[in-house]
């Protein structure tokens, strides 16, 4: 489906270009950019001298024979060119200029997520872009969209170091940052409704204009709730009601998805399958 992003498909293609990149290189690049206090990551990565520094650092990741060293250098050079090229494309792309979390762009963003959600390397690259916001301010929009996509894809973000990241004008609803290092992070105009910050480090943060929506009310229309069950992807809650019905509601919006009636007695328990394909009643009556 073609949406507001005219080059939506091209964006998916851009992410695909890093699928064969050695993921260790992402960490090495970030480490050197931080050490050198770089403000222009593209300019730095385009410099031959800096490329040699990165090559040297990558070679320290293991013990290589002469032949292996030459092969490793060849791969690293190719990967660095690929990463630099992708960053150049993203810099002037809608992904670095528009807010992908808006309702207007929801369907287009959803299409993009469907394409990349199972691509491990794409997820690693999105995390790399989030970290880049702490280094090069020209990629704050890009990194903010990246973090939004990661949250929507329910990528595992727990126990990660997101120190000093700068995120703005996006939604991180239901984000799971359990035991993350968010020290020094800058959040501005960010919706953090339902965000889990249990055990997270939050020293020296600068969070401005943070939005937290009121919690949705989940209740049966008639009578009390006997039991509840969450879907495995945490998108749906099932309520077993005293009026002998089962009510499915959307976690984010609180809206009713479906209602099962005509049970012979109270439904005391329910199970939702892993892929949300069916509900199974576990017990009826007292």
Protein backbone atom coordinates (compact mmCIF):
# COMPACT_ATOMS: atom_id res chain seq x y z
CA UNK A 1 0.00 0.00 0.00
CA UNK A 2 1.46 3.35 -1.02
CA UNK A 3 1.25 5.90 1.77
CA UNK A 4 2.33 9.47 2.52
CA UNK A 5 6.00 8.51 2.30
CA UNK A 6 6.66 8.54 -1.42
CA UNK A 7 9.90 6.64 -1.00
CA UNK A 8 8.66 4.22 1.68
CA UNK A 9 9.75 1.18 -0.31
CA UNK A 10 13.09 2.80 -1.02
CA UNK A 11 13.56 3.17 2.73
CA UNK A 12 13.10 -0.56 3.21
CA UNK A 13 15.65 -1.07 0.45
CA UNK A 14 18.07 1.25 2.24
CA UNK A 15 17.84 -0.82 5.42
CA UNK A 16 18.39 -3.96 3.36
CA UNK A 17 21.73 -2.58 2.21
CA UNK A 18 23.24 -3.16 5.66
CA UNK A 19 22.03 -6.75 5.98
CA UNK A 20 25.50 -8.21 5.37
CA UNK A 21 27.47 -5.68 7.41
CA UNK A 22 29.47 -7.07 10.34
CA UNK A 23 27.43 -5.88 13.34
CA UNK A 24 30.64 -5.47 15.38
CA UNK A 25 31.45 -2.53 13.12
CA UNK A 26 28.45 -0.59 14.45
CA UNK A 27 29.91 -0.71 17.96
CA UNK A 28 33.44 0.13 16.82
CA UNK A 29 32.20 3.14 14.85
CA UNK A 30 30.22 4.46 17.82
CA UNK A 31 33.16 3.94 20.16
CA UNK A 32 35.54 5.93 17.96
CA UNK A 33 32.99 8.66 17.21
CA UNK A 34 32.51 9.16 20.95
CA UNK A 35 36.23 9.05 21.68
CA UNK A 36 37.02 11.61 18.98
CA UNK A 37 34.00 13.74 19.97
CA UNK A 38 32.83 13.77 16.37
CA UNK A 39 29.95 16.05 15.39
CA UNK A 40 29.83 15.15 11.68
CA UNK A 41 29.74 11.37 11.43
CA UNK A 42 29.49 11.26 7.63
CA UNK A 43 32.47 13.56 7.20
CA UNK A 44 34.48 11.51 9.69
CA UNK A 45 33.65 8.18 8.08
CA UNK A 46 34.44 9.53 4.61
CA UNK A 47 38.02 10.43 5.58
CA UNK A 48 40.66 7.88 4.52
CA UNK A 49 42.72 8.39 7.66
CA UNK A 50 39.74 7.75 9.90
CA UNK A 51 38.83 4.68 7.88
CA UNK A 52 42.27 3.23 8.60
CA UNK A 53 41.71 3.88 12.30
CA UNK A 54 38.46 1.94 12.13
CA UNK A 55 40.14 -0.87 10.20
CA UNK A 56 42.84 -1.13 12.85
CA UNK A 57 40.26 -1.24 15.62
CA UNK A 58 38.29 -3.98 13.88
CA UNK A 59 41.43 -6.11 13.50
CA UNK A 60 41.86 -5.99 17.27
CA UNK A 61 38.62 -7.94 17.61
CA UNK A 62 40.44 -11.21 16.88
CA UNK A 63 43.70 -12.96 15.99
CA UNK A 64 44.12 -13.21 12.23
CA UNK A 65 46.71 -14.74 9.93
CA UNK A 66 48.16 -12.57 7.17
CA UNK A 67 45.69 -13.98 4.65
CA UNK A 68 42.81 -13.59 7.08
CA UNK A 69 43.90 -10.03 7.85
CA UNK A 70 43.77 -9.03 4.20
CA UNK A 71 40.37 -10.63 3.78
CA UNK A 72 39.08 -9.00 6.97
CA UNK A 73 40.33 -5.58 5.84
CA UNK A 74 38.59 -6.01 2.52
CA UNK A 75 35.30 -6.82 4.25
CA UNK A 76 35.65 -3.95 6.74
CA UNK A 77 36.37 -1.44 3.96
CA UNK A 78 33.35 -2.63 2.02
CA UNK A 79 31.15 -2.46 5.13
CA UNK A 80 32.33 1.05 6.02
CA UNK A 81 31.58 2.29 2.53
CA UNK A 82 28.14 0.68 2.78
CA UNK A 83 27.35 2.25 6.16
CA UNK A 84 28.58 5.68 5.05
CA UNK A 85 26.53 5.46 1.87
CA UNK A 86 23.40 4.50 3.82
CA UNK A 87 23.90 7.39 6.26
CA UNK A 88 24.23 9.79 3.33
CA UNK A 89 20.95 8.53 1.90
CA UNK A 90 19.16 8.74 5.24
CA UNK A 91 20.39 12.26 5.97
CA UNK A 92 18.16 13.77 3.28
CA UNK A 93 15.45 11.13 3.44
CA UNK A 94 11.92 11.54 4.85
CA UNK A 95 13.07 9.24 7.64
CA UNK A 96 15.26 12.09 8.88
CA UNK A 97 12.68 14.82 8.29
CA UNK A 98 9.20 13.50 9.13
CA UNK A 99 7.64 12.05 12.24
CA UNK A 100 6.80 8.43 11.45
CA UNK A 101 4.77 8.05 14.65
CA UNK A 102 1.88 10.31 13.62
CA UNK A 103 -1.56 8.88 12.93
CA UNK A 104 -1.37 10.28 9.41
CA UNK A 105 1.63 8.07 8.66
CA UNK A 106 0.55 5.03 10.68
CA UNK A 107 -0.35 2.70 7.81
CA UNK A 108 2.80 3.50 5.84
CA UNK A 109 4.91 2.96 8.94
CA UNK A 110 3.12 -0.32 9.61
CA UNK A 111 3.94 -1.49 6.08
CA UNK A 112 7.60 -0.67 6.67
CA UNK A 113 7.59 -2.58 9.97
CA UNK A 114 6.17 -5.66 8.25
CA UNK A 115 9.08 -5.61 5.82
CA UNK A 116 11.93 -5.21 8.32
CA UNK A 117 10.64 -6.64 11.62
CA UNK A 118 12.27 -10.04 11.09
CA UNK A 119 15.54 -8.66 9.73
CA UNK A 120 18.06 -8.96 12.57
CA UNK A 121 20.57 -6.67 10.92
CA UNK A 122 17.96 -3.98 10.27
CA UNK A 123 17.13 -3.99 13.99
CA UNK A 124 20.82 -3.69 14.88
CA UNK A 125 21.14 -0.78 12.48
CA UNK A 126 18.09 0.96 13.96
CA UNK A 127 19.70 0.69 17.41
CA UNK A 128 22.90 2.12 15.89
CA UNK A 129 20.89 5.09 14.58
CA UNK A 130 19.40 5.65 18.05
CA UNK A 131 22.92 5.81 19.52
CA UNK A 132 23.96 8.19 16.76
CA UNK A 133 21.61 10.85 18.18
CA UNK A 134 24.04 11.29 21.08
CA UNK A 135 26.84 12.10 18.64
CA UNK A 136 25.52 13.85 15.54
CA UNK A 137 22.51 16.10 16.09
CA UNK A 138 21.64 16.01 12.40
CA UNK A 139 20.37 12.46 12.94
CA UNK A 140 18.05 13.15 15.89
CA UNK A 141 14.92 12.86 13.75
CA UNK A 142 16.26 9.69 12.16
CA UNK A 143 17.17 8.19 15.53
CA UNK A 144 13.82 9.16 17.04
CA UNK A 145 11.98 7.41 14.23
CA UNK A 146 14.29 4.42 14.68
CA UNK A 147 13.44 4.12 18.37
CA UNK A 148 9.73 4.43 17.56
CA UNK A 149 10.01 1.57 15.05
CA UNK A 150 11.91 -0.58 17.55
CA UNK A 151 9.20 -0.03 20.16
CA UNK A 152 6.42 -0.79 17.68
CA UNK A 153 8.24 -3.95 16.56
CA UNK A 154 8.59 -4.93 20.22
CA UNK A 155 12.32 -5.40 19.76
CA UNK A 156 14.12 -6.34 22.97
CA UNK A 157 15.40 -3.03 24.36
CA UNK A 158 15.86 -4.17 27.95
CA UNK A 159 19.21 -3.88 29.74
CA UNK A 160 20.68 -1.74 26.95
CA UNK A 161 22.91 1.31 27.23
CA UNK A 162 21.15 4.33 25.73
CA UNK A 163 23.26 6.90 27.54
CA UNK A 164 23.00 10.48 26.24
CA UNK A 165 20.60 9.69 23.38
CA UNK A 166 18.49 12.58 22.10
CA UNK A 167 14.91 11.75 21.15
CA UNK A 168 12.25 14.23 20.10
CA UNK A 169 8.74 14.51 18.67
CA UNK A 170 7.72 10.87 18.68
CA UNK A 171 5.71 8.24 20.54
CA UNK A 172 7.27 5.51 22.66
CA UNK A 173 4.00 4.13 24.01
CA UNK A 174 4.49 0.92 25.96
CA UNK A 175 8.28 0.96 25.49
CA UNK A 176 10.11 -1.55 27.67
CA UNK A 177 13.29 0.04 29.03
CA UNK A 178 13.67 -2.26 32.01
CA UNK A 179 17.17 -1.91 33.53
CA UNK A 180 18.36 0.33 30.68
CA UNK A 181 20.98 3.04 31.09
CA UNK A 182 19.24 6.26 30.07
CA UNK A 183 21.62 8.55 31.93
CA UNK A 184 22.03 11.94 30.28
CA UNK A 185 19.25 11.26 27.78
CA UNK A 186 17.31 14.14 26.23
CA UNK A 187 13.63 13.52 25.51
CA UNK A 188 11.49 16.36 24.15
CA UNK A 189 7.84 16.17 23.06
CA UNK A 190 7.77 12.41 23.53
CA UNK A 191 4.71 10.35 24.50
CA UNK A 192 5.89 7.83 27.10
CA UNK A 193 2.48 6.45 28.09
CA UNK A 194 2.83 2.95 29.48
CA UNK A 195 6.62 3.06 29.35
CA UNK A 196 8.33 0.55 31.68
CA UNK A 197 11.35 2.15 33.37
CA UNK A 198 11.72 -0.41 36.14
CA UNK A 199 15.35 -0.53 37.26
CA UNK A 200 16.43 2.00 34.61
CA UNK A 201 19.21 4.50 35.30
CA UNK A 202 17.93 8.04 34.84
CA UNK A 203 20.61 10.36 36.19
CA UNK A 204 21.17 13.81 34.62
CA UNK A 205 18.29 13.40 32.17
CA UNK A 206 16.65 16.33 30.41
CA UNK A 207 13.09 15.36 29.59
CA UNK A 208 10.86 18.22 28.42
CA UNK A 209 7.20 18.33 27.38
CA UNK A 210 6.74 14.65 28.14
CA UNK A 211 3.26 13.29 27.43
CA UNK A 212 1.55 10.62 29.49
CA UNK A 213 -2.01 9.83 28.47
CA UNK A 214 -4.63 8.72 30.94
CA UNK A 215 -4.81 4.99 31.41
CA UNK A 216 -7.59 3.20 29.58
CA UNK A 217 -10.35 1.68 31.66
CA UNK A 218 -10.88 -2.01 31.05
CA UNK A 219 -14.18 -3.22 32.45
CA UNK A 220 -17.22 -5.28 31.57
CA UNK A 221 -20.34 -3.37 30.67
CA UNK A 222 -22.44 -5.42 33.05
CA UNK A 223 -21.18 -7.05 36.22
CA UNK A 224 -17.69 -7.60 37.53
CA UNK A 225 -14.61 -9.10 35.89
CA UNK A 226 -13.87 -12.69 36.93
CA UNK A 227 -10.41 -12.92 35.34
CA UNK A 228 -8.23 -11.39 32.65
CA UNK A 229 -5.69 -12.60 30.10
CA UNK A 230 -3.20 -10.69 27.97
CA UNK A 231 -2.33 -11.71 24.43
CA UNK A 232 1.33 -12.77 23.96
CA UNK A 233 2.10 -9.59 22.00
CA UNK A 234 0.41 -7.45 24.70
CA UNK A 235 -1.89 -5.84 22.14
CA UNK A 236 -5.14 -7.29 23.50
CA UNK A 237 -6.69 -7.94 26.89
CA UNK A 238 -9.44 -10.53 27.37
CA UNK A 239 -11.95 -9.94 30.16
CA UNK A 240 -14.02 -12.81 31.55
CA UNK A 241 -17.19 -11.08 32.69
CA UNK A 242 -19.80 -12.03 35.26
CA UNK A 243 -22.52 -11.59 32.62
CA UNK A 244 -21.23 -14.82 30.99
CA UNK A 245 -19.43 -12.97 28.19
CA UNK A 246 -15.81 -12.60 27.09
CA UNK A 247 -14.69 -9.15 26.00
CA UNK A 248 -11.57 -8.46 23.92
CA UNK A 249 -10.22 -4.92 24.14
CA UNK A 250 -7.29 -3.11 22.52
CA UNK A 251 -4.60 -2.37 25.12
CA UNK A 252 -3.56 0.99 23.66
CA UNK A 253 -6.95 2.45 22.83
CA UNK A 254 -9.26 0.61 25.22
CA UNK A 255 -11.67 0.01 22.34
CA UNK A 256 -13.67 -3.19 22.11
CA UNK A 257 -12.37 -5.62 19.48
CA UNK A 258 -14.85 -8.44 19.92
CA UNK A 259 -17.36 -9.85 22.36
CA UNK A 260 -18.26 -13.51 22.89
CA UNK A 261 -21.73 -14.09 24.35
CA UNK A 262 -24.07 -16.97 25.15
CA UNK A 263 -21.88 -18.98 27.52
CA UNK A 264 -23.85 -21.23 29.87
CA UNK A 265 -22.24 -19.76 32.98
CA UNK A 266 -19.52 -17.40 34.15
CA UNK A 267 -16.24 -17.81 32.30
CA UNK A 268 -13.55 -18.16 34.94
CA UNK A 269 -10.48 -18.39 32.73
CA UNK A 270 -9.31 -17.89 29.16
CA UNK A 271 -6.17 -18.46 27.10
CA UNK A 272 -5.08 -16.55 23.96
CA UNK A 273 -2.88 -18.44 21.51
CA UNK A 274 0.67 -17.30 20.77
CA UNK A 275 -0.24 -15.91 17.36
CA UNK A 276 -3.56 -14.44 18.52
CA UNK A 277 -5.37 -16.91 16.27
CA UNK A 278 -7.88 -18.19 18.82
CA UNK A 279 -9.13 -17.97 22.40
CA UNK A 280 -9.64 -21.04 24.55
CA UNK A 281 -12.01 -21.09 27.50
CA UNK A 282 -10.33 -22.82 30.43
CA UNK A 283 -13.21 -23.05 32.89
CA UNK A 284 -16.90 -22.22 33.19
CA UNK A 285 -18.84 -21.70 36.41
CA UNK A 286 -17.56 -21.55 39.98
